[in-house]
């Protein structure tokens, strides 16, 4: 979904697709994301997370509330994968406090919506 959404938005908006570095804790993914946003000059972007990527997007919006202008969570998954990798262990052994994170987010959030809802959300959030 996110790839199709990015392709649809690219003609009108500046789009950057960021993937995690692999089997890293979600905390590292958040720091990587904020670093990439800074490197490419995004001041208050709308972040789009899909499935487990929603963890990174939500935590980034909570930890860096002045850096995120909006949050779209597509098909969110917050449970750790069944693997024994570092990323799964980080979520399992040091899970985020979801209610506190959501309370810390200051930007508008759109969760699991269709393309028309995303378009309306972006129109309201972006110039």
N, C-alpha and C. Protein backbone atom coordinates (compact mmCIF):
# COMPACT_ATOMS: atom_id res chain seq x y z
N UNK A 1 0.80 -1.19 0.00
CA UNK A 1 0.00 0.00 0.00
C UNK A 1 0.85 1.26 0.00
N UNK A 2 1.89 1.30 0.84
CA UNK A 2 2.69 2.51 0.97
C UNK A 2 3.40 2.84 -0.34
N UNK A 3 3.88 1.82 -1.05
CA UNK A 3 4.54 2.09 -2.34
C UNK A 3 3.57 2.72 -3.33
N UNK A 4 2.35 2.19 -3.40
CA UNK A 4 1.34 2.77 -4.30
C UNK A 4 0.98 4.18 -3.86
N UNK A 5 0.88 4.39 -2.57
CA UNK A 5 0.55 5.71 -2.05
C UNK A 5 1.65 6.70 -2.39
N UNK A 6 2.91 6.30 -2.19
CA UNK A 6 4.03 7.18 -2.54
C UNK A 6 4.04 7.55 -4.00
N UNK A 7 3.79 6.58 -4.87
CA UNK A 7 3.75 6.85 -6.32
C UNK A 7 2.61 7.80 -6.67
N UNK A 8 1.48 7.65 -6.01
CA UNK A 8 0.34 8.52 -6.28
C UNK A 8 0.58 9.95 -5.78
N UNK A 9 1.33 10.09 -4.69
CA UNK A 9 1.57 11.41 -4.10
C UNK A 9 2.74 12.16 -4.74
N UNK A 10 3.67 11.41 -5.31
CA UNK A 10 4.91 12.01 -5.82
C UNK A 10 4.72 13.14 -6.82
N UNK A 11 3.72 13.12 -7.67
CA UNK A 11 3.59 14.26 -8.59
C UNK A 11 3.30 15.59 -7.88
N UNK A 12 2.65 15.53 -6.69
CA UNK A 12 2.27 16.78 -6.02
C UNK A 12 3.05 17.06 -4.74
N UNK A 13 3.60 16.03 -4.13
CA UNK A 13 4.29 16.19 -2.85
C UNK A 13 5.71 15.63 -2.95
N UNK A 14 6.55 16.10 -2.05
CA UNK A 14 7.90 15.56 -1.94
C UNK A 14 7.81 14.27 -1.12
N UNK A 15 8.20 13.15 -1.72
CA UNK A 15 8.04 11.84 -1.09
C UNK A 15 9.40 11.20 -0.89
N UNK A 16 9.62 10.65 0.28
CA UNK A 16 10.85 9.94 0.59
C UNK A 16 10.45 8.62 1.25
N UNK A 17 10.91 7.51 0.71
CA UNK A 17 10.62 6.21 1.28
C UNK A 17 11.85 5.74 2.06
N UNK A 18 11.64 5.43 3.31
CA UNK A 18 12.74 5.01 4.19
C UNK A 18 12.43 3.62 4.72
N UNK A 19 13.37 2.71 4.55
CA UNK A 19 13.24 1.37 5.11
C UNK A 19 14.17 1.24 6.30
N UNK A 20 13.80 0.35 7.21
CA UNK A 20 14.67 0.14 8.36
C UNK A 20 15.95 -0.54 7.90
N UNK A 21 16.97 -0.46 8.72
CA UNK A 21 18.26 -1.05 8.34
C UNK A 21 18.27 -2.57 8.47
N UNK A 22 17.20 -3.11 8.97
CA UNK A 22 17.13 -4.57 9.10
C UNK A 22 16.80 -4.94 10.52
N UNK A 23 17.51 -5.87 11.07
CA UNK A 23 17.21 -6.38 12.39
C UNK A 23 17.81 -5.48 13.47
N UNK A 24 17.20 -4.30 13.63
CA UNK A 24 17.65 -3.35 14.64
C UNK A 24 16.48 -3.04 15.57
N UNK A 25 16.75 -2.67 16.80
CA UNK A 25 15.67 -2.29 17.71
C UNK A 25 14.89 -1.08 17.17
N UNK A 26 13.63 -0.99 17.53
CA UNK A 26 12.81 0.11 17.06
C UNK A 26 13.39 1.47 17.45
N UNK A 27 14.09 1.53 18.57
CA UNK A 27 14.70 2.79 19.01
C UNK A 27 15.73 3.28 17.98
N UNK A 28 16.50 2.35 17.44
CA UNK A 28 17.51 2.68 16.42
C UNK A 28 16.81 3.13 15.13
N UNK A 29 15.74 2.44 14.76
CA UNK A 29 14.99 2.83 13.56
C UNK A 29 14.46 4.25 13.68
N UNK A 30 14.00 4.62 14.87
CA UNK A 30 13.48 5.98 15.08
C UNK A 30 14.60 7.00 14.89
N UNK A 31 15.74 6.75 15.49
CA UNK A 31 16.87 7.69 15.35
C UNK A 31 17.33 7.77 13.90
N UNK A 32 17.36 6.63 13.21
CA UNK A 32 17.71 6.64 11.78
C UNK A 32 16.72 7.49 10.99
N UNK A 33 15.44 7.31 11.25
CA UNK A 33 14.41 8.06 10.53
C UNK A 33 14.56 9.56 10.74
N UNK A 34 14.73 9.97 11.97
CA UNK A 34 14.87 11.41 12.26
C UNK A 34 16.14 11.96 11.60
N UNK A 35 17.21 11.18 11.59
CA UNK A 35 18.44 11.60 10.92
C UNK A 35 18.25 11.76 9.42
N UNK A 36 17.55 10.83 8.80
CA UNK A 36 17.30 10.91 7.36
C UNK A 36 16.41 12.13 7.05
N UNK A 37 15.40 12.35 7.86
CA UNK A 37 14.53 13.52 7.64
C UNK A 37 15.34 14.82 7.72
N UNK A 38 16.24 14.88 8.68
CA UNK A 38 17.09 16.07 8.80
C UNK A 38 18.02 16.21 7.60
N UNK A 39 18.61 15.11 7.21
CA UNK A 39 19.55 15.13 6.09
C UNK A 39 18.89 15.63 4.81
N UNK A 40 17.63 15.27 4.59
CA UNK A 40 16.94 15.66 3.36
C UNK A 40 16.09 16.92 3.53
N UNK A 41 16.18 17.57 4.67
CA UNK A 41 15.53 18.86 4.86
C UNK A 41 14.04 18.82 5.14
N UNK A 42 13.50 17.70 5.60
CA UNK A 42 12.09 17.63 5.97
C UNK A 42 11.94 18.24 7.36
N UNK A 43 11.13 19.26 7.49
CA UNK A 43 10.97 19.92 8.80
C UNK A 43 9.86 19.31 9.63
N UNK A 44 8.67 19.23 9.06
CA UNK A 44 7.53 18.62 9.76
C UNK A 44 6.72 17.78 8.78
N UNK A 45 7.28 16.67 8.33
CA UNK A 45 6.61 15.84 7.33
C UNK A 45 5.44 15.07 7.92
N UNK A 46 4.61 14.59 7.02
CA UNK A 46 3.61 13.60 7.38
C UNK A 46 4.28 12.24 7.22
N UNK A 47 4.35 11.49 8.30
CA UNK A 47 4.96 10.16 8.26
C UNK A 47 3.89 9.12 7.96
N UNK A 48 4.23 8.18 7.10
CA UNK A 48 3.33 7.07 6.78
C UNK A 48 4.05 5.79 7.18
N UNK A 49 3.46 5.07 8.11
CA UNK A 49 4.00 3.78 8.51
C UNK A 49 3.05 2.69 8.08
N UNK A 50 3.61 1.55 7.67
CA UNK A 50 2.78 0.43 7.29
C UNK A 50 3.19 -0.79 8.12
N UNK A 51 2.18 -1.47 8.63
CA UNK A 51 2.36 -2.67 9.44
C UNK A 51 3.33 -2.41 10.61
N UNK A 52 4.44 -3.11 10.71
CA UNK A 52 5.37 -2.93 11.82
C UNK A 52 6.09 -1.58 11.75
N UNK A 53 6.12 -0.97 10.57
CA UNK A 53 6.70 0.37 10.44
C UNK A 53 5.91 1.44 11.19
N UNK A 54 4.68 1.09 11.60
CA UNK A 54 3.88 2.02 12.40
C UNK A 54 4.52 2.26 13.77
N UNK A 55 5.25 1.26 14.27
CA UNK A 55 5.95 1.42 15.54
C UNK A 55 6.94 2.57 15.41
N UNK A 56 7.76 2.54 14.39
CA UNK A 56 8.77 3.58 14.18
C UNK A 56 8.12 4.94 13.99
N UNK A 57 7.09 5.01 13.17
CA UNK A 57 6.43 6.29 12.91
C UNK A 57 5.79 6.85 14.17
N UNK A 58 5.10 6.02 14.93
CA UNK A 58 4.45 6.48 16.15
C UNK A 58 5.46 6.93 17.20
N UNK A 59 6.51 6.15 17.39
CA UNK A 59 7.53 6.52 18.38
C UNK A 59 8.23 7.81 17.95
N UNK A 60 8.53 7.96 16.67
CA UNK A 60 9.16 9.20 16.19
C UNK A 60 8.26 10.40 16.47
N UNK A 61 6.96 10.26 16.22
CA UNK A 61 6.03 11.36 16.46
C UNK A 61 5.93 11.70 17.94
N UNK A 62 6.05 10.70 18.80
CA UNK A 62 5.98 10.93 20.24
C UNK A 62 7.28 11.52 20.79
N UNK A 63 8.41 10.98 20.36
CA UNK A 63 9.70 11.44 20.87
C UNK A 63 10.12 12.79 20.28
N UNK A 64 9.70 13.06 19.07
CA UNK A 64 10.09 14.30 18.38
C UNK A 64 8.83 15.01 17.90
N UNK A 65 7.97 15.46 18.81
CA UNK A 65 6.68 16.02 18.41
C UNK A 65 6.79 17.28 17.54
N UNK A 66 7.87 18.02 17.67
CA UNK A 66 8.04 19.22 16.85
C UNK A 66 8.55 18.90 15.45
N UNK A 67 8.88 17.66 15.19
CA UNK A 67 9.44 17.25 13.90
C UNK A 67 8.45 16.54 12.99
N UNK A 68 7.24 16.25 13.49
CA UNK A 68 6.26 15.48 12.71
C UNK A 68 4.97 16.29 12.59
N UNK A 69 4.53 16.50 11.34
CA UNK A 69 3.34 17.30 11.09
C UNK A 69 2.06 16.48 11.00
N UNK A 70 2.18 15.19 10.79
CA UNK A 70 1.02 14.32 10.69
C UNK A 70 1.49 12.88 10.66
N UNK A 71 0.57 11.98 10.94
CA UNK A 71 0.93 10.58 11.06
C UNK A 71 -0.17 9.73 10.43
N UNK A 72 0.22 8.90 9.48
CA UNK A 72 -0.70 7.95 8.86
C UNK A 72 -0.21 6.55 9.20
N UNK A 73 -1.05 5.78 9.87
CA UNK A 73 -0.70 4.43 10.28
C UNK A 73 -1.56 3.45 9.48
N UNK A 74 -0.93 2.80 8.51
CA UNK A 74 -1.64 1.89 7.61
C UNK A 74 -1.47 0.45 8.09
N UNK A 75 -2.57 -0.18 8.40
CA UNK A 75 -2.57 -1.58 8.86
C UNK A 75 -1.55 -1.79 9.97
N UNK A 76 -1.67 -1.05 11.07
CA UNK A 76 -0.65 -1.13 12.12
C UNK A 76 -0.52 -2.50 12.77
N UNK A 77 0.73 -2.85 13.04
CA UNK A 77 1.08 -4.06 13.79
C UNK A 77 2.04 -3.61 14.88
N UNK A 78 1.70 -3.91 16.11
CA UNK A 78 2.54 -3.48 17.23
C UNK A 78 3.14 -4.66 18.00
N UNK A 79 2.67 -5.86 17.69
CA UNK A 79 3.20 -7.05 18.37
C UNK A 79 4.51 -7.47 17.74
N UNK A 80 5.46 -7.94 18.55
CA UNK A 80 6.74 -8.37 18.00
C UNK A 80 6.59 -9.60 17.12
N UNK A 81 7.43 -9.68 16.08
CA UNK A 81 7.44 -10.91 15.28
C UNK A 81 7.87 -12.09 16.15
N UNK A 82 7.58 -13.29 15.71
CA UNK A 82 7.92 -14.49 16.49
C UNK A 82 9.39 -14.86 16.40
N UNK A 83 10.16 -14.12 15.64
CA UNK A 83 11.57 -14.45 15.47
C UNK A 83 12.37 -14.13 16.75
N UNK A 84 13.62 -14.53 16.75
CA UNK A 84 14.50 -14.25 17.88
C UNK A 84 15.49 -13.13 17.55
N UNK A 85 15.23 -12.38 16.49
CA UNK A 85 16.12 -11.30 16.12
C UNK A 85 16.07 -10.15 17.11
N UNK A 86 17.01 -9.23 16.96
CA UNK A 86 17.12 -8.09 17.86
C UNK A 86 15.85 -7.23 17.82
N UNK A 87 15.31 -7.00 16.63
CA UNK A 87 14.11 -6.16 16.51
C UNK A 87 12.95 -6.78 17.27
N UNK A 88 12.74 -8.06 17.12
CA UNK A 88 11.65 -8.74 17.82
C UNK A 88 11.88 -8.73 19.33
N UNK A 89 13.12 -8.97 19.75
CA UNK A 89 13.42 -8.96 21.19
C UNK A 89 13.23 -7.58 21.79
N UNK A 90 13.57 -6.52 21.04
CA UNK A 90 13.39 -5.16 21.55
C UNK A 90 11.92 -4.88 21.83
N UNK A 91 11.05 -5.29 20.91
CA UNK A 91 9.62 -5.09 21.13
C UNK A 91 9.08 -5.98 22.24
N UNK A 92 9.60 -7.17 22.33
CA UNK A 92 9.13 -8.12 23.34
C UNK A 92 9.68 -7.78 24.73
N UNK A 93 10.97 -7.49 24.83
CA UNK A 93 11.62 -7.28 26.13
C UNK A 93 11.52 -5.84 26.63
N UNK A 94 11.36 -4.90 25.71
CA UNK A 94 11.30 -3.48 26.09
C UNK A 94 10.18 -2.82 25.28
N UNK A 95 8.95 -3.28 25.48
CA UNK A 95 7.86 -2.77 24.67
C UNK A 95 7.54 -1.31 25.01
N UNK A 96 7.17 -0.55 23.99
CA UNK A 96 6.76 0.83 24.26
C UNK A 96 5.47 0.85 25.07
N UNK A 97 5.28 1.91 25.81
CA UNK A 97 4.02 2.15 26.52
C UNK A 97 3.11 2.88 25.53
N UNK A 98 2.25 2.12 24.83
CA UNK A 98 1.47 2.66 23.72
C UNK A 98 0.58 3.82 24.14
N UNK A 99 -0.04 3.74 25.31
CA UNK A 99 -0.94 4.83 25.72
C UNK A 99 -0.15 6.11 26.00
N UNK A 100 1.01 6.00 26.60
CA UNK A 100 1.84 7.19 26.85
C UNK A 100 2.38 7.77 25.54
N UNK A 101 2.77 6.89 24.61
CA UNK A 101 3.25 7.38 23.31
C UNK A 101 2.15 8.14 22.58
N UNK A 102 0.97 7.56 22.52
CA UNK A 102 -0.16 8.23 21.83
C UNK A 102 -0.47 9.57 22.49
N UNK A 103 -0.38 9.62 23.81
CA UNK A 103 -0.65 10.88 24.51
C UNK A 103 0.42 11.94 24.20
N UNK A 104 1.62 11.50 23.88
CA UNK A 104 2.71 12.44 23.59
C UNK A 104 2.68 12.96 22.15
N UNK A 105 1.94 12.30 21.28
CA UNK A 105 1.85 12.73 19.89
C UNK A 105 0.98 13.97 19.81
N UNK A 106 1.51 15.02 19.19
CA UNK A 106 0.77 16.28 19.09
C UNK A 106 0.18 16.52 17.71
N UNK A 107 0.57 15.71 16.74
CA UNK A 107 0.09 15.91 15.37
C UNK A 107 -1.18 15.09 15.13
N UNK A 108 -1.92 15.43 14.09
CA UNK A 108 -3.08 14.62 13.72
C UNK A 108 -2.66 13.22 13.29
N UNK A 109 -3.51 12.23 13.60
CA UNK A 109 -3.24 10.83 13.26
C UNK A 109 -4.41 10.29 12.43
N UNK A 110 -4.07 9.61 11.35
CA UNK A 110 -5.06 8.88 10.54
C UNK A 110 -4.65 7.42 10.60
N UNK A 111 -5.59 6.56 10.96
CA UNK A 111 -5.23 5.16 11.12
C UNK A 111 -6.08 4.27 10.22
N UNK A 112 -5.40 3.38 9.47
CA UNK A 112 -6.04 2.37 8.62
C UNK A 112 -7.19 2.94 7.79
N UNK A 113 -6.87 3.82 6.89
CA UNK A 113 -7.88 4.46 6.06
C UNK A 113 -7.66 4.12 4.59
N UNK A 114 -8.66 4.42 3.80
CA UNK A 114 -8.56 4.21 2.36
C UNK A 114 -7.90 5.38 1.67
N UNK A 115 -7.62 5.25 0.37
CA UNK A 115 -6.93 6.30 -0.38
C UNK A 115 -7.62 7.66 -0.34
N UNK A 116 -8.95 7.68 -0.37
CA UNK A 116 -9.65 8.96 -0.33
C UNK A 116 -9.46 9.64 1.03
N UNK A 117 -9.45 8.84 2.10
CA UNK A 117 -9.23 9.40 3.44
C UNK A 117 -7.81 9.97 3.55
N UNK A 118 -6.84 9.27 2.96
CA UNK A 118 -5.45 9.75 2.98
C UNK A 118 -5.35 11.07 2.23
N UNK A 119 -5.97 11.15 1.07
CA UNK A 119 -5.94 12.39 0.28
C UNK A 119 -6.55 13.55 1.06
N UNK A 120 -7.67 13.33 1.69
CA UNK A 120 -8.32 14.39 2.49
C UNK A 120 -7.44 14.79 3.66
N UNK A 121 -6.83 13.83 4.30
CA UNK A 121 -5.94 14.09 5.45
C UNK A 121 -4.75 14.94 4.99
N UNK A 122 -4.12 14.54 3.89
CA UNK A 122 -2.96 15.28 3.40
C UNK A 122 -3.35 16.69 2.96
N UNK A 123 -4.46 16.83 2.31
CA UNK A 123 -4.92 18.15 1.88
C UNK A 123 -5.10 19.06 3.09
N UNK A 124 -5.61 18.52 4.19
CA UNK A 124 -5.80 19.30 5.40
C UNK A 124 -4.49 19.62 6.11
N UNK A 125 -3.48 18.74 5.98
CA UNK A 125 -2.23 18.90 6.72
C UNK A 125 -1.13 19.63 5.96
N UNK A 126 -1.15 19.54 4.65
CA UNK A 126 -0.05 20.09 3.85
C UNK A 126 -0.53 21.28 3.04
N UNK A 127 0.37 22.24 2.82
CA UNK A 127 -0.02 23.41 2.03
C UNK A 127 -0.23 23.06 0.57
